[in-house]
């Protein structure tokens, strides 16, 4: 099932504090939306590889994606998508530890 950017903003509160322009930039990529969907159901830090496996399976419409595909997704998450989400304060990303979690909601 595909989500539009507005669907994610309704279910993921971390983007509500962003301007409309920022929200569009953050949610423009499917992998960023998929990562936010995955993190929305988690309460603590999650390994990047775990998110990558979920996204790879979702993109391929399979229950389990191959190791090469998961690794490719993990690389793009690490270098592109998670830093972008962290830049906007939507997630807390620790690149050295390869873990990410939803940022606490801003007051």
C-alpha atoms as a PDB file:
ATOM      1  CA  UNK A   1       0.000   0.000   0.000  1.00  0.00           C
ATOM      2  CA  UNK A   2       1.341   3.402  -0.954  1.00  0.00           C
ATOM      3  CA  UNK A   3       1.126   6.455   1.280  1.00  0.00           C
ATOM      4  CA  UNK A   4       0.972  10.048   0.193  1.00  0.00           C
ATOM      5  CA  UNK A   5       3.047  12.599   2.115  1.00  0.00           C
ATOM      6  CA  UNK A   6      -0.077  13.895   3.830  1.00  0.00           C
ATOM      7  CA  UNK A   7      -0.951  10.391   5.066  1.00  0.00           C
ATOM      8  CA  UNK A   8       2.395  10.169   6.834  1.00  0.00           C
ATOM      9  CA  UNK A   9       2.087  13.610   8.425  1.00  0.00           C
ATOM     10  CA  UNK A  10      -1.235  12.593   9.945  1.00  0.00           C
ATOM     11  CA  UNK A  11       0.241   9.429  11.461  1.00  0.00           C
ATOM     12  CA  UNK A  12       3.749  10.681  12.241  1.00  0.00           C
ATOM     13  CA  UNK A  13       3.677  13.669  14.550  1.00  0.00           C
ATOM     14  CA  UNK A  14       7.386  14.450  14.113  1.00  0.00           C
ATOM     15  CA  UNK A  15       6.667  16.251  10.851  1.00  0.00           C
ATOM     16  CA  UNK A  16       3.860  18.483  12.085  1.00  0.00           C
ATOM     17  CA  UNK A  17       6.240  21.168  13.397  1.00  0.00           C
ATOM     18  CA  UNK A  18       7.828  21.552   9.949  1.00  0.00           C
ATOM     19  CA  UNK A  19       6.772  24.174   7.443  1.00  0.00           C
ATOM     20  CA  UNK A  20       4.862  22.932   4.418  1.00  0.00           C
ATOM     21  CA  UNK A  21       7.965  23.321   2.265  1.00  0.00           C
ATOM     22  CA  UNK A  22      10.144  21.414   4.730  1.00  0.00           C
ATOM     23  CA  UNK A  23       7.536  18.680   5.086  1.00  0.00           C
ATOM     24  CA  UNK A  24       7.432  18.249   1.306  1.00  0.00           C
ATOM     25  CA  UNK A  25      11.234  18.024   1.127  1.00  0.00           C
ATOM     26  CA  UNK A  26      11.404  15.507   3.958  1.00  0.00           C
ATOM     27  CA  UNK A  27       8.592  13.328   2.625  1.00  0.00           C
ATOM     28  CA  UNK A  28       9.483  13.543  -1.078  1.00  0.00           C
ATOM     29  CA  UNK A  29      11.330  10.204  -1.063  1.00  0.00           C
ATOM     30  CA  UNK A  30       9.533   6.902  -0.606  1.00  0.00           C
ATOM     31  CA  UNK A  31      12.356   5.527   1.542  1.00  0.00           C
ATOM     32  CA  UNK A  32      12.084   8.410   3.995  1.00  0.00           C
ATOM     33  CA  UNK A  33       8.327   7.893   4.263  1.00  0.00           C
ATOM     34  CA  UNK A  34       8.806   4.131   4.682  1.00  0.00           C
ATOM     35  CA  UNK A  35      11.434   4.732   7.394  1.00  0.00           C
ATOM     36  CA  UNK A  36       9.067   7.057   9.254  1.00  0.00           C
ATOM     37  CA  UNK A  37       6.273   4.507   8.960  1.00  0.00           C
ATOM     38  CA  UNK A  38       8.571   1.859  10.431  1.00  0.00           C
ATOM     39  CA  UNK A  39       9.796   4.080  13.271  1.00  0.00           C
ATOM     40  CA  UNK A  40       6.283   5.217  14.183  1.00  0.00           C
ATOM     41  CA  UNK A  41       5.606   1.808  15.751  1.00  0.00           C
ATOM     42  CA  UNK A  42       8.903   1.670  17.698  1.00  0.00           C
ATOM     43  CA  UNK A  43       9.659   3.216  21.071  1.00  0.00           C
ATOM     44  CA  UNK A  44      13.440   2.927  21.166  1.00  0.00           C
ATOM     45  CA  UNK A  45      16.499   2.930  18.932  1.00  0.00           C
ATOM     46  CA  UNK A  46      16.374   0.705  15.857  1.00  0.00           C
ATOM     47  CA  UNK A  47      19.295  -0.679  13.874  1.00  0.00           C
ATOM     48  CA  UNK A  48      19.574   0.770  10.361  1.00  0.00           C
ATOM     49  CA  UNK A  49      19.843  -2.757   8.960  1.00  0.00           C
ATOM     50  CA  UNK A  50      16.445  -3.598  10.504  1.00  0.00           C
ATOM     51  CA  UNK A  51      14.797  -0.614   8.835  1.00  0.00           C
ATOM     52  CA  UNK A  52      16.578  -1.427   5.569  1.00  0.00           C
ATOM     53  CA  UNK A  53      15.254  -4.995   5.626  1.00  0.00           C
ATOM     54  CA  UNK A  54      11.717  -3.738   6.132  1.00  0.00           C
ATOM     55  CA  UNK A  55      12.006  -1.158   3.353  1.00  0.00           C
ATOM     56  CA  UNK A  56      13.629  -3.611   0.927  1.00  0.00           C
ATOM     57  CA  UNK A  57      10.829  -6.124   1.529  1.00  0.00           C
ATOM     58  CA  UNK A  58       8.211  -3.413   1.069  1.00  0.00           C
ATOM     59  CA  UNK A  59       9.767  -2.171  -2.170  1.00  0.00           C
ATOM     60  CA  UNK A  60      10.027  -5.659  -3.617  1.00  0.00           C
ATOM     61  CA  UNK A  61       6.584  -6.788  -2.388  1.00  0.00           C
ATOM     62  CA  UNK A  62       8.277  -9.779  -0.739  1.00  0.00           C
ATOM     63  CA  UNK A  63       8.236 -10.891   2.885  1.00  0.00           C
ATOM     64  CA  UNK A  64      12.034 -11.091   2.944  1.00  0.00           C
ATOM     65  CA  UNK A  65      14.416  -9.255   0.618  1.00  0.00           C
ATOM     66  CA  UNK A  66      17.836 -10.553  -0.394  1.00  0.00           C
ATOM     67  CA  UNK A  67      20.956  -9.529   1.520  1.00  0.00           C
ATOM     68  CA  UNK A  68      22.345  -7.477  -1.391  1.00  0.00           C
ATOM     69  CA  UNK A  69      19.116  -5.508  -1.681  1.00  0.00           C
ATOM     70  CA  UNK A  70      18.984  -4.882   2.064  1.00  0.00           C
ATOM     71  CA  UNK A  71      22.593  -3.687   1.993  1.00  0.00           C
ATOM     72  CA  UNK A  72      21.875  -1.299  -0.895  1.00  0.00           C
ATOM     73  CA  UNK A  73      18.912   0.158   0.970  1.00  0.00           C
ATOM     74  CA  UNK A  74      20.993   0.465   4.161  1.00  0.00           C
ATOM     75  CA  UNK A  75      23.658   2.420   2.281  1.00  0.00           C
ATOM     76  CA  UNK A  76      21.141   4.918   0.889  1.00  0.00           C
ATOM     77  CA  UNK A  77      19.521   5.265   4.312  1.00  0.00           C
ATOM     78  CA  UNK A  78      22.908   5.911   5.929  1.00  0.00           C
ATOM     79  CA  UNK A  79      24.212   8.389   3.348  1.00  0.00           C
ATOM     80  CA  UNK A  80      21.058  10.130   2.132  1.00  0.00           C
ATOM     81  CA  UNK A  81      17.757   9.586   3.884  1.00  0.00           C
ATOM     82  CA  UNK A  82      18.515   9.358   7.602  1.00  0.00           C
ATOM     83  CA  UNK A  83      20.819  12.415   7.576  1.00  0.00           C
ATOM     84  CA  UNK A  84      18.035  14.383   5.837  1.00  0.00           C
ATOM     85  CA  UNK A  85      15.486  13.286   8.448  1.00  0.00           C
ATOM     86  CA  UNK A  86      17.943  14.141  11.238  1.00  0.00           C
ATOM     87  CA  UNK A  87      18.676  17.537   9.678  1.00  0.00           C
ATOM     88  CA  UNK A  88      15.012  18.437  10.033  1.00  0.00           C
ATOM     89  CA  UNK A  89      14.813  17.039  13.572  1.00  0.00           C
ATOM     90  CA  UNK A  90      12.396  14.266  12.666  1.00  0.00           C
ATOM     91  CA  UNK A  91      14.706  11.470  13.862  1.00  0.00           C
ATOM     92  CA  UNK A  92      17.746  11.083  16.066  1.00  0.00           C
ATOM     93  CA  UNK A  93      20.384   9.304  13.986  1.00  0.00           C
ATOM     94  CA  UNK A  94      23.705   8.023  15.301  1.00  0.00           C
ATOM     95  CA  UNK A  95      25.729   7.165  12.168  1.00  0.00           C
ATOM     96  CA  UNK A  96      28.650   5.657  14.087  1.00  0.00           C
ATOM     97  CA  UNK A  97      26.362   3.245  15.926  1.00  0.00           C
ATOM     98  CA  UNK A  98      24.059   2.715  12.919  1.00  0.00           C
ATOM     99  CA  UNK A  99      20.938   3.304  15.031  1.00  0.00           C
ATOM    100  CA  UNK A 100      18.013   5.647  14.588  1.00  0.00           C
ATOM    101  CA  UNK A 101      14.904   6.524  16.538  1.00  0.00           C
ATOM    102  CA  UNK A 102      12.005   8.914  16.277  1.00  0.00           C
ATOM    103  CA  UNK A 103      12.882  12.298  17.686  1.00  0.00           C
ATOM    104  CA  UNK A 104      10.872  13.314  20.724  1.00  0.00           C
ATOM    105  CA  UNK A 105       8.000  15.629  19.797  1.00  0.00           C
ATOM    106  CA  UNK A 106       8.845  19.282  20.137  1.00  0.00           C
ATOM    107  CA  UNK A 107       6.864  21.176  22.723  1.00  0.00           C
END
